[in-house]
Amino acid sequence: KLQKKSYIMEDIQDIFGLRIICYYLSDIDNIIKKLSDSFIIQTRKKRQDDSQFGYRSEHLIVKLNKEKWNGIITEIENLNFEIQIRTVVMHAWASISHQLFYKKEEKSNKLRELARLSAILEMADIEFNNIKSN
């Protein structure tokens, strides 16, 4: 990013990151609550367009909570970084679609099929969560 665009280091929100994969949709909010104990959450974005099916994930831009870390990792205490949280089902869709289509020009005729699979997998996530809750 620094070479392609005229960014400065402080502008880059995902200089390093972490991906957390959980089993159930209901786990996502619990994980975010736990993370907020050790990190200052700068932004939280649900990466999903409610009118379309496709990529789904929670993305947090965080900074170390200096009070909690107490100087343990001083080199990165002022940097923002990204934490992505998604279910196993979300991750499967993202991984496969990324492998099939990321940065490939010839994909337009397959997007509808991919969206249809995303819808089915979203229902699977909801049903797994319902089974767990009952």
N, C-alpha and C. Protein backbone atom coordinates (compact mmCIF):
# COMPACT_ATOMS: atom_id res chain seq x y z
N LYS A 1 0.82 -1.19 0.00
CA LYS A 1 0.00 0.00 0.00
C LYS A 1 0.86 1.25 0.00
N LEU A 2 1.95 1.20 0.74
CA LEU A 2 2.82 2.37 0.80
C LEU A 2 3.43 2.68 -0.56
N GLN A 3 3.75 1.63 -1.33
CA GLN A 3 4.34 1.84 -2.64
C GLN A 3 3.31 2.19 -3.70
N LYS A 4 2.13 1.56 -3.65
CA LYS A 4 1.12 1.78 -4.68
C LYS A 4 0.44 3.14 -4.56
N LYS A 5 0.20 3.56 -3.35
CA LYS A 5 -0.51 4.82 -3.14
C LYS A 5 0.33 5.68 -2.21
N SER A 6 -0.02 6.92 -2.15
CA SER A 6 0.78 7.82 -1.31
C SER A 6 0.27 7.84 0.13
N TYR A 7 0.28 6.67 0.77
CA TYR A 7 -0.10 6.56 2.17
C TYR A 7 1.11 6.87 3.05
N ILE A 8 0.82 7.27 4.27
CA ILE A 8 1.85 7.27 5.29
C ILE A 8 1.50 6.16 6.27
N MET A 9 2.46 5.68 7.00
CA MET A 9 2.29 4.52 7.85
C MET A 9 1.09 4.67 8.80
N GLU A 10 0.88 5.83 9.36
CA GLU A 10 -0.21 6.05 10.32
C GLU A 10 -1.59 5.92 9.68
N ASP A 11 -1.67 6.06 8.35
CA ASP A 11 -2.96 5.96 7.65
C ASP A 11 -3.40 4.52 7.42
N ILE A 12 -2.48 3.59 7.49
CA ILE A 12 -2.78 2.20 7.17
C ILE A 12 -3.37 1.53 8.41
N GLN A 13 -4.60 1.06 8.28
CA GLN A 13 -5.32 0.47 9.40
C GLN A 13 -5.07 -1.03 9.56
N ASP A 14 -4.50 -1.65 8.54
CA ASP A 14 -4.31 -3.10 8.61
C ASP A 14 -2.87 -3.49 8.32
N ILE A 15 -1.94 -2.79 8.97
CA ILE A 15 -0.52 -3.10 8.78
C ILE A 15 -0.24 -4.53 9.25
N PHE A 16 -0.99 -4.95 10.24
CA PHE A 16 -1.00 -6.36 10.61
C PHE A 16 -2.40 -6.67 11.13
N GLY A 17 -2.72 -7.94 11.19
CA GLY A 17 -4.07 -8.28 11.56
C GLY A 17 -4.18 -9.67 12.15
N LEU A 18 -5.39 -9.95 12.54
CA LEU A 18 -5.71 -11.21 13.17
C LEU A 18 -7.09 -11.63 12.67
N ARG A 19 -7.25 -12.89 12.41
CA ARG A 19 -8.57 -13.40 12.02
C ARG A 19 -8.98 -14.43 13.06
N ILE A 20 -10.17 -14.25 13.59
CA ILE A 20 -10.73 -15.18 14.57
C ILE A 20 -11.90 -15.89 13.90
N ILE A 21 -11.86 -17.21 13.94
CA ILE A 21 -12.93 -18.01 13.33
C ILE A 21 -13.64 -18.77 14.45
N CYS A 22 -14.95 -18.59 14.51
CA CYS A 22 -15.75 -19.21 15.56
C CYS A 22 -16.82 -20.09 14.91
N TYR A 23 -17.55 -20.80 15.74
CA TYR A 23 -18.57 -21.71 15.22
C TYR A 23 -19.92 -21.05 14.95
N TYR A 24 -20.35 -20.16 15.84
CA TYR A 24 -21.73 -19.68 15.79
C TYR A 24 -21.79 -18.16 15.66
N LEU A 25 -22.85 -17.68 15.01
CA LEU A 25 -23.08 -16.25 14.87
C LEU A 25 -23.11 -15.55 16.23
N SER A 26 -23.73 -16.20 17.21
CA SER A 26 -23.83 -15.60 18.54
C SER A 26 -22.47 -15.44 19.22
N ASP A 27 -21.47 -16.19 18.77
CA ASP A 27 -20.13 -16.06 19.33
C ASP A 27 -19.47 -14.73 18.96
N ILE A 28 -19.86 -14.17 17.84
CA ILE A 28 -19.18 -12.97 17.34
C ILE A 28 -19.28 -11.82 18.33
N ASP A 29 -20.47 -11.53 18.82
CA ASP A 29 -20.62 -10.43 19.78
C ASP A 29 -19.88 -10.73 21.09
N ASN A 30 -19.89 -11.99 21.53
CA ASN A 30 -19.17 -12.36 22.74
C ASN A 30 -17.67 -12.16 22.57
N ILE A 31 -17.15 -12.50 21.42
CA ILE A 31 -15.72 -12.31 21.14
C ILE A 31 -15.38 -10.83 21.14
N ILE A 32 -16.24 -10.02 20.53
CA ILE A 32 -15.99 -8.58 20.48
C ILE A 32 -16.00 -7.99 21.89
N LYS A 33 -16.90 -8.45 22.75
CA LYS A 33 -16.92 -7.98 24.15
C LYS A 33 -15.61 -8.33 24.86
N LYS A 34 -15.13 -9.55 24.65
CA LYS A 34 -13.86 -9.96 25.26
C LYS A 34 -12.69 -9.14 24.73
N LEU A 35 -12.68 -8.90 23.42
CA LEU A 35 -11.60 -8.12 22.81
C LEU A 35 -11.59 -6.69 23.36
N SER A 36 -12.76 -6.15 23.65
CA SER A 36 -12.83 -4.76 24.13
C SER A 36 -12.21 -4.61 25.52
N ASP A 37 -11.96 -5.71 26.21
CA ASP A 37 -11.25 -5.65 27.49
C ASP A 37 -9.77 -5.32 27.31
N SER A 38 -9.18 -5.79 26.21
CA SER A 38 -7.74 -5.62 26.00
C SER A 38 -7.38 -4.64 24.90
N PHE A 39 -8.37 -4.29 24.08
CA PHE A 39 -8.11 -3.41 22.95
C PHE A 39 -9.11 -2.26 22.94
N ILE A 40 -8.69 -1.14 22.40
CA ILE A 40 -9.59 -0.03 22.17
C ILE A 40 -10.13 -0.20 20.76
N ILE A 41 -11.43 -0.37 20.63
CA ILE A 41 -12.03 -0.58 19.32
C ILE A 41 -12.26 0.79 18.68
N GLN A 42 -11.52 1.05 17.60
CA GLN A 42 -11.62 2.32 16.89
C GLN A 42 -12.86 2.33 15.99
N THR A 43 -13.03 1.26 15.23
CA THR A 43 -14.20 1.11 14.36
C THR A 43 -14.62 -0.35 14.32
N ARG A 44 -15.91 -0.53 14.10
CA ARG A 44 -16.47 -1.87 13.91
C ARG A 44 -17.34 -1.81 12.67
N LYS A 45 -17.02 -2.66 11.70
CA LYS A 45 -17.79 -2.69 10.46
C LYS A 45 -18.24 -4.11 10.18
N LYS A 46 -19.52 -4.23 9.96
CA LYS A 46 -20.05 -5.50 9.50
C LYS A 46 -19.88 -5.51 8.00
N ARG A 47 -19.04 -6.38 7.49
CA ARG A 47 -18.76 -6.43 6.06
C ARG A 47 -19.78 -7.31 5.39
N GLN A 48 -20.91 -6.69 5.06
CA GLN A 48 -21.99 -7.40 4.40
C GLN A 48 -22.96 -6.36 3.88
N ASP A 49 -23.37 -6.53 2.67
CA ASP A 49 -24.39 -5.66 2.10
C ASP A 49 -25.73 -6.34 2.35
N ASP A 50 -26.59 -5.70 3.13
CA ASP A 50 -27.87 -6.32 3.49
C ASP A 50 -28.77 -6.60 2.30
N SER A 51 -28.53 -5.94 1.18
CA SER A 51 -29.39 -6.15 0.01
C SER A 51 -28.82 -7.21 -0.93
N GLN A 52 -27.65 -7.75 -0.62
CA GLN A 52 -27.02 -8.73 -1.50
C GLN A 52 -26.39 -9.83 -0.68
N PHE A 53 -26.13 -10.95 -1.32
CA PHE A 53 -25.42 -12.04 -0.66
C PHE A 53 -23.98 -12.03 -1.14
N GLY A 54 -23.10 -12.41 -0.27
CA GLY A 54 -21.68 -12.44 -0.62
C GLY A 54 -20.83 -12.48 0.63
N TYR A 55 -19.73 -11.80 0.58
CA TYR A 55 -18.77 -11.79 1.68
C TYR A 55 -19.41 -11.28 2.96
N ARG A 56 -19.20 -12.01 4.06
CA ARG A 56 -19.68 -11.59 5.38
C ARG A 56 -18.57 -11.76 6.39
N SER A 57 -18.39 -10.75 7.23
CA SER A 57 -17.37 -10.80 8.26
C SER A 57 -17.51 -9.54 9.12
N GLU A 58 -17.07 -9.62 10.35
CA GLU A 58 -16.96 -8.43 11.21
C GLU A 58 -15.51 -7.98 11.17
N HIS A 59 -15.30 -6.70 10.92
CA HIS A 59 -13.95 -6.16 10.89
C HIS A 59 -13.82 -5.07 11.95
N LEU A 60 -12.86 -5.23 12.82
CA LEU A 60 -12.58 -4.24 13.85
C LEU A 60 -11.23 -3.60 13.56
N ILE A 61 -11.16 -2.31 13.71
CA ILE A 61 -9.87 -1.63 13.74
C ILE A 61 -9.63 -1.31 15.21
N VAL A 62 -8.53 -1.83 15.75
CA VAL A 62 -8.27 -1.71 17.17
C VAL A 62 -6.88 -1.15 17.44
N LYS A 63 -6.69 -0.76 18.66
CA LYS A 63 -5.41 -0.30 19.17
C LYS A 63 -5.24 -0.96 20.54
N LEU A 64 -4.01 -1.23 20.93
CA LEU A 64 -3.80 -1.81 22.25
C LEU A 64 -4.31 -0.87 23.33
N ASN A 65 -4.96 -1.43 24.33
CA ASN A 65 -5.35 -0.65 25.50
C ASN A 65 -4.12 -0.56 26.40
N LYS A 66 -3.48 0.59 26.45
CA LYS A 66 -2.21 0.76 27.16
C LYS A 66 -2.32 0.39 28.63
N GLU A 67 -3.47 0.62 29.24
CA GLU A 67 -3.65 0.27 30.65
C GLU A 67 -3.60 -1.23 30.87
N LYS A 68 -4.16 -1.99 29.93
CA LYS A 68 -4.18 -3.45 30.05
C LYS A 68 -2.83 -4.08 29.72
N TRP A 69 -2.14 -3.52 28.73
CA TRP A 69 -0.90 -4.11 28.27
C TRP A 69 0.30 -3.58 29.05
N ASN A 70 0.14 -2.45 29.71
CA ASN A 70 1.12 -1.91 30.65
C ASN A 70 2.57 -1.95 30.14
N GLY A 71 2.76 -1.47 28.92
CA GLY A 71 4.11 -1.36 28.36
C GLY A 71 4.75 -2.65 27.91
N ILE A 72 3.98 -3.73 27.84
CA ILE A 72 4.54 -5.03 27.43
C ILE A 72 4.98 -5.00 25.97
N ILE A 73 4.18 -4.37 25.11
CA ILE A 73 4.46 -4.34 23.68
C ILE A 73 4.51 -2.88 23.24
N THR A 74 5.50 -2.16 23.63
CA THR A 74 5.55 -0.72 23.37
C THR A 74 5.76 -0.39 21.89
N GLU A 75 6.35 -1.29 21.12
CA GLU A 75 6.64 -1.01 19.72
C GLU A 75 5.39 -0.80 18.89
N ILE A 76 4.30 -1.41 19.28
CA ILE A 76 3.09 -1.33 18.46
C ILE A 76 1.93 -0.65 19.19
N GLU A 77 2.18 -0.09 20.33
CA GLU A 77 1.05 0.42 21.13
C GLU A 77 0.30 1.57 20.48
N ASN A 78 0.91 2.26 19.54
CA ASN A 78 0.22 3.37 18.88
C ASN A 78 -0.30 3.01 17.49
N LEU A 79 -0.08 1.79 17.04
CA LEU A 79 -0.55 1.38 15.72
C LEU A 79 -1.96 0.81 15.80
N ASN A 80 -2.74 1.13 14.80
CA ASN A 80 -4.03 0.46 14.63
C ASN A 80 -3.80 -0.82 13.86
N PHE A 81 -4.61 -1.82 14.15
CA PHE A 81 -4.56 -3.04 13.35
C PHE A 81 -5.96 -3.62 13.26
N GLU A 82 -6.10 -4.58 12.35
CA GLU A 82 -7.41 -5.13 12.05
C GLU A 82 -7.59 -6.51 12.66
N ILE A 83 -8.78 -6.73 13.20
CA ILE A 83 -9.19 -8.06 13.64
C ILE A 83 -10.46 -8.40 12.87
N GLN A 84 -10.43 -9.52 12.17
CA GLN A 84 -11.59 -10.01 11.44
C GLN A 84 -12.19 -11.17 12.24
N ILE A 85 -13.50 -11.17 12.36
CA ILE A 85 -14.18 -12.23 13.09
C ILE A 85 -15.28 -12.78 12.19
N ARG A 86 -15.27 -14.09 12.03
CA ARG A 86 -16.28 -14.73 11.19
C ARG A 86 -16.51 -16.16 11.64
N THR A 87 -17.61 -16.71 11.20
CA THR A 87 -17.90 -18.11 11.52
C THR A 87 -17.14 -19.02 10.55
N VAL A 88 -17.13 -20.30 10.89
CA VAL A 88 -16.51 -21.29 10.01
C VAL A 88 -17.17 -21.26 8.63
N VAL A 89 -18.49 -21.10 8.62
CA VAL A 89 -19.23 -21.08 7.36
C VAL A 89 -18.86 -19.84 6.55
N MET A 90 -18.81 -18.68 7.20
CA MET A 90 -18.40 -17.46 6.51
C MET A 90 -16.99 -17.61 5.94
N HIS A 91 -16.12 -18.22 6.73
CA HIS A 91 -14.73 -18.38 6.32
C HIS A 91 -14.62 -19.33 5.12
N ALA A 92 -15.41 -20.39 5.13
CA ALA A 92 -15.38 -21.32 4.00
C ALA A 92 -15.76 -20.59 2.71
N TRP A 93 -16.85 -19.82 2.76
CA TRP A 93 -17.28 -19.09 1.57
C TRP A 93 -16.21 -18.10 1.12
N ALA A 94 -15.67 -17.33 2.07
CA ALA A 94 -14.67 -16.32 1.72
C ALA A 94 -13.42 -16.95 1.13
N SER A 95 -12.98 -18.06 1.70
CA SER A 95 -11.76 -18.72 1.22
C SER A 95 -11.93 -19.28 -0.18
N ILE A 96 -13.04 -19.95 -0.40
CA ILE A 96 -13.27 -20.56 -1.72
C ILE A 96 -13.51 -19.50 -2.78
N SER A 97 -14.33 -18.49 -2.47
CA SER A 97 -14.60 -17.45 -3.46
C SER A 97 -13.34 -16.65 -3.76
N HIS A 98 -12.52 -16.45 -2.75
CA HIS A 98 -11.25 -15.74 -2.95
C HIS A 98 -10.35 -16.53 -3.91
N GLN A 99 -10.27 -17.83 -3.66
CA GLN A 99 -9.42 -18.68 -4.50
C GLN A 99 -9.95 -18.72 -5.93
N LEU A 100 -11.25 -18.73 -6.09
CA LEU A 100 -11.83 -18.82 -7.43
C LEU A 100 -11.79 -17.49 -8.19
N PHE A 101 -11.99 -16.39 -7.50
CA PHE A 101 -12.25 -15.14 -8.21
C PHE A 101 -11.37 -13.95 -7.87
N TYR A 102 -10.63 -13.96 -6.79
CA TYR A 102 -9.92 -12.75 -6.38
C TYR A 102 -8.92 -12.30 -7.44
N LYS A 103 -9.08 -11.08 -7.86
CA LYS A 103 -8.22 -10.43 -8.86
C LYS A 103 -8.17 -11.18 -10.19
N LYS A 104 -9.25 -11.84 -10.53
CA LYS A 104 -9.35 -12.51 -11.83
C LYS A 104 -10.38 -11.76 -12.64
N GLU A 105 -10.08 -11.52 -13.88
CA GLU A 105 -10.97 -10.72 -14.73
C GLU A 105 -12.23 -11.47 -15.15
N GLU A 106 -12.13 -12.73 -15.46
CA GLU A 106 -13.26 -13.52 -15.99
C GLU A 106 -14.07 -14.11 -14.84
N LYS A 107 -15.06 -13.34 -14.34
CA LYS A 107 -15.86 -13.84 -13.25
C LYS A 107 -17.33 -13.45 -13.33
N SER A 108 -17.69 -12.56 -14.19
CA SER A 108 -19.04 -12.00 -14.21
C SER A 108 -20.13 -13.05 -14.38
N ASN A 109 -19.90 -14.09 -15.17
CA ASN A 109 -20.94 -15.08 -15.40
C ASN A 109 -21.12 -16.03 -14.21
N LYS A 110 -20.23 -15.99 -13.24
CA LYS A 110 -20.31 -16.88 -12.08
C LYS A 110 -20.78 -16.16 -10.82
N LEU A 111 -20.93 -14.86 -10.85
CA LEU A 111 -21.27 -14.11 -9.64
C LEU A 111 -22.65 -14.48 -9.09
N ARG A 112 -23.61 -14.72 -9.96
CA ARG A 112 -24.95 -15.12 -9.50
C ARG A 112 -24.88 -16.47 -8.78
N GLU A 113 -24.14 -17.41 -9.33
CA GLU A 113 -23.99 -18.72 -8.69
C GLU A 113 -23.32 -18.58 -7.32
N LEU A 114 -22.33 -17.74 -7.25
CA LEU A 114 -21.63 -17.50 -5.99
C LEU A 114 -22.56 -16.84 -4.97
N ALA A 115 -23.38 -15.90 -5.40
CA ALA A 115 -24.35 -15.25 -4.50
C ALA A 115 -25.37 -16.26 -4.00
N ARG A 116 -25.80 -17.16 -4.85
CA ARG A 116 -26.77 -18.19 -4.45
C ARG A 116 -26.17 -19.09 -3.36
N LEU A 117 -24.92 -19.47 -3.54
CA LEU A 117 -24.25 -20.28 -2.51
C LEU A 117 -24.11 -19.51 -1.21
N SER A 118 -23.82 -18.23 -1.30
CA SER A 118 -23.70 -17.40 -0.12
C SER A 118 -25.01 -17.38 0.66
N ALA A 119 -26.13 -17.28 -0.04
CA ALA A 119 -27.44 -17.28 0.62
C ALA A 119 -27.68 -18.59 1.36
N ILE A 120 -27.34 -19.69 0.73
CA ILE A 120 -27.52 -21.00 1.36
C ILE A 120 -26.65 -21.11 2.61
N LEU A 121 -25.42 -20.65 2.51
CA LEU A 121 -24.51 -20.72 3.65
C LEU A 121 -24.93 -19.78 4.78
N GLU A 122 -25.51 -18.65 4.42
CA GLU A 122 -26.02 -17.75 5.45
C GLU A 122 -27.15 -18.43 6.23
N MET A 123 -28.01 -19.13 5.52
CA MET A 123 -29.07 -19.88 6.19
C MET A 123 -28.49 -20.97 7.08
N ALA A 124 -27.42 -21.62 6.63
CA ALA A 124 -26.76 -22.64 7.45
C ALA A 124 -26.24 -22.03 8.74
N ASP A 125 -25.61 -20.85 8.66
CA ASP A 125 -25.13 -20.16 9.86
C ASP A 125 -26.28 -19.89 10.83
N ILE A 126 -27.39 -19.41 10.31
CA ILE A 126 -28.55 -19.09 11.14
C ILE A 126 -29.10 -20.36 11.79
N GLU A 127 -29.20 -21.43 11.03
CA GLU A 127 -29.73 -22.69 11.56
C GLU A 127 -28.80 -23.30 12.61
N PHE A 128 -27.49 -23.28 12.37
CA PHE A 128 -26.55 -23.77 13.38
C PHE A 128 -26.72 -22.98 14.67
N ASN A 129 -26.85 -21.67 14.55
CA ASN A 129 -27.03 -20.82 15.73
C ASN A 129 -28.34 -21.15 16.44
N ASN A 130 -29.43 -21.38 15.69
CA ASN A 130 -30.72 -21.72 16.28
C ASN A 130 -30.66 -23.07 17.01
N ILE A 131 -29.99 -24.03 16.41
CA ILE A 131 -29.85 -25.36 17.05
C ILE A 131 -29.08 -25.22 18.36
N LYS A 132 -28.02 -24.44 18.34
CA LYS A 132 -27.22 -24.23 19.55
C LYS A 132 -28.06 -23.57 20.64
N SER A 133 -28.90 -22.61 20.28
CA SER A 133 -29.67 -21.83 21.24
C SER A 133 -30.83 -22.62 21.87
N ASN A 134 -31.31 -23.63 21.15
CA ASN A 134 -32.48 -24.38 21.66
C ASN A 134 -32.11 -25.55 22.51
